[in-house]
Amino acid sequence: MSHPLARDPASFATLFIQARSQRAFRDQAIDPAVLESVYDLAKWGPTSMNCCPARFVFVTSDEARDRLAECAMEGNRERIRSAPATVIIATDSNWYEQLPVLAPHMQGARDRFAGNPELAETNGFRNGTLQGAYLMIAARAHGLDLAPMSGFDAGKVNQAFFAEGTEMESWQANWICCMGYGDHEKLHPRAPRMAFEEACRVA
């Protein structure tokens, strides 16, 4: 029996086919309850050992938007300032401290990662990036348009939002993503994608 989503092509269009990376956003606020609902959906996406290393900062105030925009490449600044929210997808470098709660079945897992910084960083970055992708899909499912970007200075973001001495000092910026309701008239024609035969192999 096929999965129900396989019989609902509209869901594919919403999440992938018609969804576009936005160049500009309409002046329409996002209800804070929507942001919370987006996270509450995205948090169920799987990570190894249920480690959940990603942390999210939803930048919505004018002051915080300006602060974040100054960390970005010039071509991305206006999008950050015009988006009703921009989320900083970060990784908590101390993510393994939560393992006794998140993965109680994995005895000794916390100590294994605490004693191996390289292993902790690799697993944290990989799974935190995965969680950021879950957040994007959850946002699209809630009717939001997105503009993910890596054109920013992560060091400046860390200094501006995760400074030493704050409760978030162990968080490290991975990438950022503008959220809102896009101005679709300002989109470029959609760029092509690689065909299965070009990008895939079956081993």
C-alpha atoms as a PDB file:
ATOM      1  CA  MET A   1       0.000   0.000   0.000  1.00  0.00           C
ATOM      2  CA  SER A   2       1.365   3.421  -0.931  1.00  0.00           C
ATOM      3  CA  HIS A   3       1.833   6.130   1.661  1.00  0.00           C
ATOM      4  CA  PRO A   4      -1.006   8.722   1.785  1.00  0.00           C
ATOM      5  CA  LEU A   5       1.384  11.492   0.710  1.00  0.00           C
ATOM      6  CA  ALA A   6       2.153   9.542  -2.465  1.00  0.00           C
ATOM      7  CA  ARG A   7      -1.490  10.070  -3.438  1.00  0.00           C
ATOM      8  CA  ASP A   8      -1.316  13.819  -2.774  1.00  0.00           C
ATOM      9  CA  PRO A   9       0.807  15.520  -5.456  1.00  0.00           C
ATOM     10  CA  ALA A  10      -0.186  18.910  -4.031  1.00  0.00           C
ATOM     11  CA  SER A  11       1.956  18.222  -0.980  1.00  0.00           C
ATOM     12  CA  PHE A  12       4.985  17.595  -3.230  1.00  0.00           C
ATOM     13  CA  ALA A  13       4.367  20.930  -4.951  1.00  0.00           C
ATOM     14  CA  THR A  14       4.057  22.802  -1.640  1.00  0.00           C
ATOM     15  CA  LEU A  15       7.182  21.336  -0.105  1.00  0.00           C
ATOM     16  CA  PHE A  16       9.454  21.032  -3.144  1.00  0.00           C
ATOM     17  CA  ILE A  17       8.312  21.623  -6.720  1.00  0.00           C
ATOM     18  CA  GLN A  18       6.652  25.042  -6.478  1.00  0.00           C
ATOM     19  CA  ALA A  19       8.645  26.235  -3.467  1.00  0.00           C
ATOM     20  CA  ARG A  20      11.236  28.857  -4.414  1.00  0.00           C
ATOM     21  CA  SER A  21      14.102  30.645  -2.715  1.00  0.00           C
ATOM     22  CA  GLN A  22      12.785  34.177  -2.338  1.00  0.00           C
ATOM     23  CA  ARG A  23      14.503  37.415  -3.338  1.00  0.00           C
ATOM     24  CA  ALA A  24      12.107  39.730  -1.456  1.00  0.00           C
ATOM     25  CA  PHE A  25       9.312  39.511   1.094  1.00  0.00           C
ATOM     26  CA  ARG A  26       5.965  41.219   1.486  1.00  0.00           C
ATOM     27  CA  ASP A  27       5.378  43.432   4.516  1.00  0.00           C
ATOM     28  CA  GLN A  28       3.417  40.827   6.447  1.00  0.00           C
ATOM     29  CA  ALA A  29       4.331  39.696   9.934  1.00  0.00           C
ATOM     30  CA  ILE A  30       4.551  36.059  10.994  1.00  0.00           C
ATOM     31  CA  ASP A  31       2.437  35.156  14.014  1.00  0.00           C
ATOM     32  CA  PRO A  32       4.848  34.010  16.756  1.00  0.00           C
ATOM     33  CA  ALA A  33       2.597  30.986  17.261  1.00  0.00           C
ATOM     34  CA  VAL A  34       3.421  29.923  13.692  1.00  0.00           C
ATOM     35  CA  LEU A  35       7.155  29.968  14.425  1.00  0.00           C
ATOM     36  CA  GLU A  36       6.574  27.820  17.493  1.00  0.00           C
ATOM     37  CA  SER A  37       4.426  25.425  15.467  1.00  0.00           C
ATOM     38  CA  VAL A  38       7.129  25.195  12.789  1.00  0.00           C
ATOM     39  CA  TYR A  39       9.674  24.116  15.386  1.00  0.00           C
ATOM     40  CA  ASP A  40       7.209  21.732  17.060  1.00  0.00           C
ATOM     41  CA  LEU A  41       6.844  19.929  13.729  1.00  0.00           C
ATOM     42  CA  ALA A  42      10.516  20.025  12.729  1.00  0.00           C
ATOM     43  CA  LYS A  43      11.744  18.658  16.061  1.00  0.00           C
ATOM     44  CA  TRP A  44      10.377  15.214  15.205  1.00  0.00           C
ATOM     45  CA  GLY A  45      12.802  14.756  12.306  1.00  0.00           C
ATOM     46  CA  PRO A  46      15.313  11.992  13.088  1.00  0.00           C
ATOM     47  CA  THR A  47      18.893  12.575  14.181  1.00  0.00           C
ATOM     48  CA  SER A  48      21.475   9.985  15.151  1.00  0.00           C
ATOM     49  CA  MET A  49      20.881   8.829  18.724  1.00  0.00           C
ATOM     50  CA  ASN A  50      18.174  11.519  18.907  1.00  0.00           C
ATOM     51  CA  CYS A  51      21.038  13.929  19.629  1.00  0.00           C
ATOM     52  CA  CYS A  52      19.181  17.086  18.458  1.00  0.00           C
ATOM     53  CA  PRO A  53      22.238  19.415  18.368  1.00  0.00           C
ATOM     54  CA  ALA A  54      20.607  22.273  16.418  1.00  0.00           C
ATOM     55  CA  ARG A  55      19.555  25.478  18.115  1.00  0.00           C
ATOM     56  CA  PHE A  56      17.426  28.156  16.449  1.00  0.00           C
ATOM     57  CA  VAL A  57      17.289  31.913  16.917  1.00  0.00           C
ATOM     58  CA  PHE A  58      14.309  33.581  15.229  1.00  0.00           C
ATOM     59  CA  VAL A  59      15.408  37.143  14.490  1.00  0.00           C
ATOM     60  CA  THR A  60      12.297  39.323  14.296  1.00  0.00           C
ATOM     61  CA  SER A  61      12.972  42.714  15.908  1.00  0.00           C
ATOM     62  CA  ASP A  62      14.269  45.646  13.864  1.00  0.00           C
ATOM     63  CA  GLU A  63      17.351  45.916  16.077  1.00  0.00           C
ATOM     64  CA  ALA A  64      18.240  42.238  15.759  1.00  0.00           C
ATOM     65  CA  ARG A  65      17.573  42.246  11.998  1.00  0.00           C
ATOM     66  CA  ASP A  66      19.980  45.160  11.532  1.00  0.00           C
ATOM     67  CA  ARG A  67      22.566  43.408  13.687  1.00  0.00           C
ATOM     68  CA  LEU A  68      22.279  40.226  11.625  1.00  0.00           C
ATOM     69  CA  ALA A  69      22.258  42.090   8.307  1.00  0.00           C
ATOM     70  CA  GLU A  70      25.612  43.661   9.163  1.00  0.00           C
ATOM     71  CA  CYS A  71      27.057  40.123   9.374  1.00  0.00           C
ATOM     72  CA  ALA A  72      25.908  39.256   5.833  1.00  0.00           C
ATOM     73  CA  MET A  73      27.234  39.904   2.360  1.00  0.00           C
ATOM     74  CA  GLU A  74      25.929  43.154   0.914  1.00  0.00           C
ATOM     75  CA  GLY A  75      23.629  41.356  -1.537  1.00  0.00           C
ATOM     76  CA  ASN A  76      21.844  39.554   1.314  1.00  0.00           C
ATOM     77  CA  ARG A  77      21.370  42.460   3.700  1.00  0.00           C
ATOM     78  CA  GLU A  78      18.140  43.829   2.260  1.00  0.00           C
ATOM     79  CA  ARG A  79      16.508  40.393   2.271  1.00  0.00           C
ATOM     80  CA  ILE A  80      17.335  40.001   5.956  1.00  0.00           C
ATOM     81  CA  ARG A  81      15.970  43.456   6.740  1.00  0.00           C
ATOM     82  CA  SER A  82      12.779  42.900   4.722  1.00  0.00           C
ATOM     83  CA  ALA A  83      11.993  39.390   5.970  1.00  0.00           C
ATOM     84  CA  PRO A  84       9.636  39.294   8.961  1.00  0.00           C
ATOM     85  CA  ALA A  85      11.870  36.601  10.466  1.00  0.00           C
ATOM     86  CA  THR A  86      15.305  35.203   9.786  1.00  0.00           C
ATOM     87  CA  VAL A  87      16.324  32.084  11.650  1.00  0.00           C
ATOM     88  CA  ILE A  88      19.924  31.451  12.623  1.00  0.00           C
ATOM     89  CA  ILE A  89      20.472  27.693  12.469  1.00  0.00           C
ATOM     90  CA  ALA A  90      23.195  27.027  15.011  1.00  0.00           C
ATOM     91  CA  THR A  91      24.850  23.998  16.566  1.00  0.00           C
ATOM     92  CA  ASP A  92      25.363  23.758  20.307  1.00  0.00           C
ATOM     93  CA  SER A  93      28.960  22.643  20.755  1.00  0.00           C
ATOM     94  CA  ASN A  94      27.894  21.092  24.071  1.00  0.00           C
ATOM     95  CA  TRP A  95      24.965  19.221  22.537  1.00  0.00           C
ATOM     96  CA  TYR A  96      26.057  15.925  24.106  1.00  0.00           C
ATOM     97  CA  GLU A  97      25.150  17.235  27.576  1.00  0.00           C
ATOM     98  CA  GLN A  98      21.513  16.568  26.650  1.00  0.00           C
ATOM     99  CA  LEU A  99      22.088  12.905  25.738  1.00  0.00           C
ATOM    100  CA  PRO A 100      21.143  11.490  29.152  1.00  0.00           C
ATOM    101  CA  VAL A 101      17.687  13.024  28.631  1.00  0.00           C
ATOM    102  CA  LEU A 102      17.315  12.623  24.867  1.00  0.00           C
ATOM    103  CA  ALA A 103      18.871   9.164  24.584  1.00  0.00           C
ATOM    104  CA  PRO A 104      18.580   7.458  27.992  1.00  0.00           C
ATOM    105  CA  HIS A 105      18.991   4.070  26.290  1.00  0.00           C
ATOM    106  CA  MET A 106      22.536   5.006  25.174  1.00  0.00           C
ATOM    107  CA  GLN A 107      24.494   4.457  28.358  1.00  0.00           C
ATOM    108  CA  GLY A 108      27.813   6.318  28.423  1.00  0.00           C
ATOM    109  CA  ALA A 109      27.126   8.258  25.202  1.00  0.00           C
ATOM    110  CA  ARG A 110      27.583  11.636  26.838  1.00  0.00           C
ATOM    111  CA  ASP A 111      31.054  10.755  28.113  1.00  0.00           C
ATOM    112  CA  ARG A 112      32.096   9.298  24.753  1.00  0.00           C
ATOM    113  CA  PHE A 113      31.468  12.590  22.976  1.00  0.00           C
ATOM    114  CA  ALA A 114      32.628  14.819  25.830  1.00  0.00           C
ATOM    115  CA  GLY A 115      35.988  13.089  25.662  1.00  0.00           C
ATOM    116  CA  ASN A 116      36.341  13.353  21.884  1.00  0.00           C
ATOM    117  CA  PRO A 117      35.883  16.964  20.649  1.00  0.00           C
ATOM    118  CA  GLU A 118      36.471  16.070  16.996  1.00  0.00           C
ATOM    119  CA  LEU A 119      33.786  13.365  17.061  1.00  0.00           C
ATOM    120  CA  ALA A 120      31.405  15.702  18.883  1.00  0.00           C
ATOM    121  CA  GLU A 121      31.939  18.476  16.328  1.00  0.00           C
ATOM    122  CA  THR A 122      31.447  16.188  13.338  1.00  0.00           C
ATOM    123  CA  ASN A 123      28.258  14.635  14.685  1.00  0.00           C
ATOM    124  CA  GLY A 124      26.907  17.946  15.909  1.00  0.00           C
ATOM    125  CA  PHE A 125      27.467  19.726  12.596  1.00  0.00           C
ATOM    126  CA  ARG A 126      26.025  16.894  10.495  1.00  0.00           C
ATOM    127  CA  ASN A 127      22.883  16.400  12.555  1.00  0.00           C
ATOM    128  CA  GLY A 128      22.392  20.110  13.188  1.00  0.00           C
ATOM    129  CA  THR A 129      22.455  20.755   9.444  1.00  0.00           C
ATOM    130  CA  LEU A 130      19.895  17.996   8.996  1.00  0.00           C
ATOM    131  CA  GLN A 131      17.633  19.629  11.571  1.00  0.00           C
ATOM    132  CA  GLY A 132      17.888  22.928   9.713  1.00  0.00           C
ATOM    133  CA  ALA A 133      16.566  21.184   6.600  1.00  0.00           C
ATOM    134  CA  TYR A 134      13.689  19.739   8.627  1.00  0.00           C
ATOM    135  CA  LEU A 135      12.884  23.262   9.791  1.00  0.00           C
ATOM    136  CA  MET A 136      12.724  24.474   6.187  1.00  0.00           C
ATOM    137  CA  ILE A 137      10.295  21.743   5.191  1.00  0.00           C
ATOM    138  CA  ALA A 138       8.163  22.402   8.274  1.00  0.00           C
ATOM    139  CA  ALA A 139       8.089  26.114   7.448  1.00  0.00           C
ATOM    140  CA  ARG A 140       6.955  25.425   3.896  1.00  0.00           C
ATOM    141  CA  ALA A 141       4.251  23.118   5.259  1.00  0.00           C
ATOM    142  CA  HIS A 142       3.003  26.121   7.266  1.00  0.00           C
ATOM    143  CA  GLY A 143       2.758  28.267   4.129  1.00  0.00           C
ATOM    144  CA  LEU A 144       5.957  30.249   4.637  1.00  0.00           C
ATOM    145  CA  ASP A 145       8.390  31.204   1.885  1.00  0.00           C
ATOM    146  CA  LEU A 146      12.121  30.945   2.505  1.00  0.00           C
ATOM    147  CA  ALA A 147      15.485  32.325   1.465  1.00  0.00           C
ATOM    148  CA  PRO A 148      18.278  30.119   2.832  1.00  0.00           C
ATOM    149  CA  MET A 149      21.743  31.601   2.598  1.00  0.00           C
ATOM    150  CA  SER A 150      25.351  30.975   3.484  1.00  0.00           C
ATOM    151  CA  GLY A 151      26.597  34.401   2.369  1.00  0.00           C
ATOM    152  CA  PHE A 152      27.463  35.723   5.817  1.00  0.00           C
ATOM    153  CA  ASP A 153      30.344  35.861   8.267  1.00  0.00           C
ATOM    154  CA  ALA A 154      29.709  33.119  10.846  1.00  0.00           C
ATOM    155  CA  GLY A 155      32.291  34.579  13.205  1.00  0.00           C
ATOM    156  CA  LYS A 156      30.480  37.922  13.244  1.00  0.00           C
ATOM    157  CA  VAL A 157      27.139  36.185  13.843  1.00  0.00           C
ATOM    158  CA  ASN A 158      28.614  34.247  16.747  1.00  0.00           C
ATOM    159  CA  GLN A 159      30.006  37.437  18.226  1.00  0.00           C
ATOM    160  CA  ALA A 160      26.758  39.348  17.721  1.00  0.00           C
ATOM    161  CA  PHE A 161      24.379  36.688  19.037  1.00  0.00           C
ATOM    162  CA  PHE A 162      26.378  34.068  20.942  1.00  0.00           C
ATOM    163  CA  ALA A 163      28.977  36.135  22.746  1.00  0.00           C
ATOM    164  CA  GLU A 164      31.108  34.688  25.512  1.00  0.00           C
ATOM    165  CA  GLY A 165      29.458  35.069  28.876  1.00  0.00           C
ATOM    166  CA  THR A 166      25.910  34.713  27.550  1.00  0.00           C
ATOM    167  CA  GLU A 167      23.661  31.693  27.982  1.00  0.00           C
ATOM    168  CA  MET A 168      24.155  30.854  24.299  1.00  0.00           C
ATOM    169  CA  GLU A 169      27.956  31.086  24.199  1.00  0.00           C
ATOM    170  CA  SER A 170      28.288  27.409  23.204  1.00  0.00           C
ATOM    171  CA  TRP A 171      26.109  27.938  20.104  1.00  0.00           C
ATOM    172  CA  GLN A 172      27.859  28.284  16.734  1.00  0.00           C
ATOM    173  CA  ALA A 173      26.165  29.617  13.583  1.00  0.00           C
ATOM    174  CA  ASN A 174      25.815  27.106  10.748  1.00  0.00           C
ATOM    175  CA  TRP A 175      23.610  28.950   8.224  1.00  0.00           C
ATOM    176  CA  ILE A 176      20.709  31.391   8.141  1.00  0.00           C
ATOM    177  CA  CYS A 177      17.310  31.369   6.462  1.00  0.00           C
ATOM    178  CA  CYS A 178      14.896  34.243   5.872  1.00  0.00           C
ATOM    179  CA  MET A 179      11.226  33.407   6.417  1.00  0.00           C
ATOM    180  CA  GLY A 180       8.046  35.164   5.452  1.00  0.00           C
ATOM    181  CA  TYR A 181       5.600  35.648   2.620  1.00  0.00           C
ATOM    182  CA  GLY A 182       7.505  36.120  -0.594  1.00  0.00           C
ATOM    183  CA  ASP A 183       7.037  38.751  -3.268  1.00  0.00           C
ATOM    184  CA  HIS A 184       6.729  36.243  -6.103  1.00  0.00           C
ATOM    185  CA  GLU A 185       6.788  38.947  -8.798  1.00  0.00           C
ATOM    186  CA  LYS A 186      10.481  39.483  -8.048  1.00  0.00           C
ATOM    187  CA  LEU A 187      11.517  35.878  -8.635  1.00  0.00           C
ATOM    188  CA  HIS A 188      13.836  34.921 -11.479  1.00  0.00           C
ATOM    189  CA  PRO A 189      12.779  32.067 -13.792  1.00  0.00           C
ATOM    190  CA  ARG A 190      13.429  28.786 -12.032  1.00  0.00           C
ATOM    191  CA  ALA A 191      16.875  27.313 -12.616  1.00  0.00           C
ATOM    192  CA  PRO A 192      17.145  23.691 -13.807  1.00  0.00           C
ATOM    193  CA  ARG A 193      18.143  20.718 -11.695  1.00  0.00           C
ATOM    194  CA  MET A 194      20.266  17.703 -12.560  1.00  0.00           C
ATOM    195  CA  ALA A 195      18.512  14.612 -13.927  1.00  0.00           C
ATOM    196  CA  PHE A 196      18.526  11.308 -12.042  1.00  0.00           C
ATOM    197  CA  GLU A 197      21.010   9.883 -14.542  1.00  0.00           C
ATOM    198  CA  GLU A 198      23.422  12.746 -13.883  1.00  0.00           C
ATOM    199  CA  ALA A 199      23.250  12.913 -10.087  1.00  0.00           C
ATOM    200  CA  CYS A 200      22.469   9.366  -9.014  1.00  0.00           C
ATOM    201  CA  ARG A 201      23.823   5.868  -9.172  1.00  0.00           C
ATOM    202  CA  VAL A 202      22.221   2.632  -7.984  1.00  0.00           C
ATOM    203  CA  ALA A 203      24.825   0.365  -6.422  1.00  0.00           C
END
